[in-house]
Amino acid sequence: MFQGERYAYGFFDRVVAGRRFVGHGGGAPGMNGELAFEPNGGYVVVVLSNFDPPAAWQMAGFILIRLPALTSMQIR
């Protein structure tokens, strides 16, 4: 888990690069996945992997910190 991350009802709630994301992830040897969505924004990130964990978690983190900011017009 990330520092400051909360977990409830099977979903994490965390702040990445100053933005709030909610989601879920998991896996087993040979497969794993990660879902993260921005409730107050317009992004949903889904990563599925045929590699051992934490491959999807690492790729999702790589993507999340690089997402550009959206304007209020783009969110609608």
C-alpha atoms as a PDB file:
ATOM      1  CA  MET A   1       0.000   0.000   0.000  1.00  0.00           C
ATOM      2  CA  PHE A   2       1.034   3.581  -0.615  1.00  0.00           C
ATOM      3  CA  GLN A   3       1.796   5.911   2.273  1.00  0.00           C
ATOM      4  CA  GLY A   4      -1.468   7.581   3.355  1.00  0.00           C
ATOM      5  CA  GLU A   5      -3.585   5.050   1.455  1.00  0.00           C
ATOM      6  CA  ARG A   6      -6.939   3.986   2.913  1.00  0.00           C
ATOM      7  CA  TYR A   7      -8.742   0.715   2.178  1.00  0.00           C
ATOM      8  CA  ALA A   8     -12.456  -0.048   2.563  1.00  0.00           C
ATOM      9  CA  TYR A   9     -15.034  -2.317   0.897  1.00  0.00           C
ATOM     10  CA  GLY A  10     -12.311  -3.806  -1.292  1.00  0.00           C
ATOM     11  CA  PHE A  11     -11.200  -0.456  -2.756  1.00  0.00           C
ATOM     12  CA  PHE A  12      -8.163   1.656  -2.012  1.00  0.00           C
ATOM     13  CA  ASP A  13      -8.465   5.427  -1.735  1.00  0.00           C
ATOM     14  CA  ARG A  14      -5.170   7.234  -2.290  1.00  0.00           C
ATOM     15  CA  VAL A  15      -3.656  10.476  -3.516  1.00  0.00           C
ATOM     16  CA  VAL A  16      -1.136  10.241  -6.365  1.00  0.00           C
ATOM     17  CA  ALA A  17       0.646  13.392  -7.535  1.00  0.00           C
ATOM     18  CA  GLY A  18      -1.939  15.528  -5.723  1.00  0.00           C
ATOM     19  CA  ARG A  19      -4.955  13.752  -7.277  1.00  0.00           C
ATOM     20  CA  ARG A  20      -7.404  11.329  -5.631  1.00  0.00           C
ATOM     21  CA  PHE A  21      -7.759   7.850  -7.119  1.00  0.00           C
ATOM     22  CA  VAL A  22      -9.974   4.955  -6.032  1.00  0.00           C
ATOM     23  CA  GLY A  23      -9.602   1.389  -7.252  1.00  0.00           C
ATOM     24  CA  HIS A  24      -8.633  -2.199  -6.664  1.00  0.00           C
ATOM     25  CA  GLY A  25      -5.842  -4.541  -7.610  1.00  0.00           C
ATOM     26  CA  GLY A  26      -4.670  -8.058  -7.058  1.00  0.00           C
ATOM     27  CA  GLY A  27      -3.043 -11.069  -8.572  1.00  0.00           C
ATOM     28  CA  ALA A  28      -1.355 -14.407  -8.231  1.00  0.00           C
ATOM     29  CA  PRO A  29       1.717 -15.992  -9.781  1.00  0.00           C
ATOM     30  CA  GLY A  30       1.546 -15.411 -13.533  1.00  0.00           C
ATOM     31  CA  MET A  31      -1.194 -12.776 -13.565  1.00  0.00           C
ATOM     32  CA  ASN A  32      -2.256  -9.542 -11.912  1.00  0.00           C
ATOM     33  CA  GLY A  33      -4.318  -6.448 -12.522  1.00  0.00           C
ATOM     34  CA  GLU A  34      -4.883  -2.928 -11.264  1.00  0.00           C
ATOM     35  CA  LEU A  35      -7.854  -0.553 -11.596  1.00  0.00           C
ATOM     36  CA  ALA A  36      -7.687   3.134 -10.632  1.00  0.00           C
ATOM     37  CA  PHE A  37     -10.240   5.830 -11.375  1.00  0.00           C
ATOM     38  CA  GLU A  38     -10.379   9.503 -10.505  1.00  0.00           C
ATOM     39  CA  PRO A  39     -13.831  10.215  -8.998  1.00  0.00           C
ATOM     40  CA  ASN A  40     -13.472  13.977  -9.434  1.00  0.00           C
ATOM     41  CA  GLY A  41     -11.772  13.808 -12.812  1.00  0.00           C
ATOM     42  CA  GLY A  42     -11.963  12.020 -16.083  1.00  0.00           C
ATOM     43  CA  TYR A  43      -9.415   9.205 -15.932  1.00  0.00           C
ATOM     44  CA  VAL A  44      -9.773   5.453 -15.565  1.00  0.00           C
ATOM     45  CA  VAL A  45      -6.608   3.361 -15.676  1.00  0.00           C
ATOM     46  CA  VAL A  46      -6.794  -0.432 -16.082  1.00  0.00           C
ATOM     47  CA  VAL A  47      -3.651  -2.538 -16.305  1.00  0.00           C
ATOM     48  CA  LEU A  48      -3.772  -6.312 -16.859  1.00  0.00           C
ATOM     49  CA  SER A  49      -0.597  -8.373 -16.859  1.00  0.00           C
ATOM     50  CA  ASN A  50       0.482 -11.948 -17.521  1.00  0.00           C
ATOM     51  CA  PHE A  51       3.485 -11.442 -15.244  1.00  0.00           C
ATOM     52  CA  ASP A  52       3.853 -12.041 -11.521  1.00  0.00           C
ATOM     53  CA  PRO A  53       2.807  -9.234  -9.175  1.00  0.00           C
ATOM     54  CA  PRO A  54       3.650  -6.384  -8.807  1.00  0.00           C
ATOM     55  CA  ALA A  55       3.949  -5.809 -12.594  1.00  0.00           C
ATOM     56  CA  ALA A  56       0.468  -4.259 -13.043  1.00  0.00           C
ATOM     57  CA  TRP A  57       0.785  -2.187  -9.848  1.00  0.00           C
ATOM     58  CA  GLN A  58       4.124  -0.786 -11.018  1.00  0.00           C
ATOM     59  CA  MET A  59       2.804   0.056 -14.494  1.00  0.00           C
ATOM     60  CA  ALA A  60      -0.323   1.706 -13.064  1.00  0.00           C
ATOM     61  CA  GLY A  61       1.853   3.848 -10.789  1.00  0.00           C
ATOM     62  CA  PHE A  62       4.010   4.818 -13.774  1.00  0.00           C
ATOM     63  CA  ILE A  63       0.892   5.912 -15.693  1.00  0.00           C
ATOM     64  CA  LEU A  64      -0.873   7.679 -12.801  1.00  0.00           C
ATOM     65  CA  ILE A  65       1.966  10.071 -12.015  1.00  0.00           C
ATOM     66  CA  ARG A  66       2.173  11.080 -15.697  1.00  0.00           C
ATOM     67  CA  LEU A  67      -1.503  11.856 -16.422  1.00  0.00           C
ATOM     68  CA  PRO A  68      -2.017  15.423 -17.649  1.00  0.00           C
ATOM     69  CA  ALA A  69      -4.441  17.728 -15.867  1.00  0.00           C
ATOM     70  CA  LEU A  70      -7.922  17.992 -17.364  1.00  0.00           C
ATOM     71  CA  THR A  71      -9.888  21.222 -17.627  1.00  0.00           C
ATOM     72  CA  SER A  72     -13.471  21.354 -16.370  1.00  0.00           C
ATOM     73  CA  MET A  73     -14.658  21.468 -19.996  1.00  0.00           C
ATOM     74  CA  GLN A  74     -12.896  18.164 -20.782  1.00  0.00           C
ATOM     75  CA  ILE A  75     -14.410  16.395 -17.751  1.00  0.00           C
ATOM     76  CA  ARG A  76     -18.028  16.923 -18.831  1.00  0.00           C
END
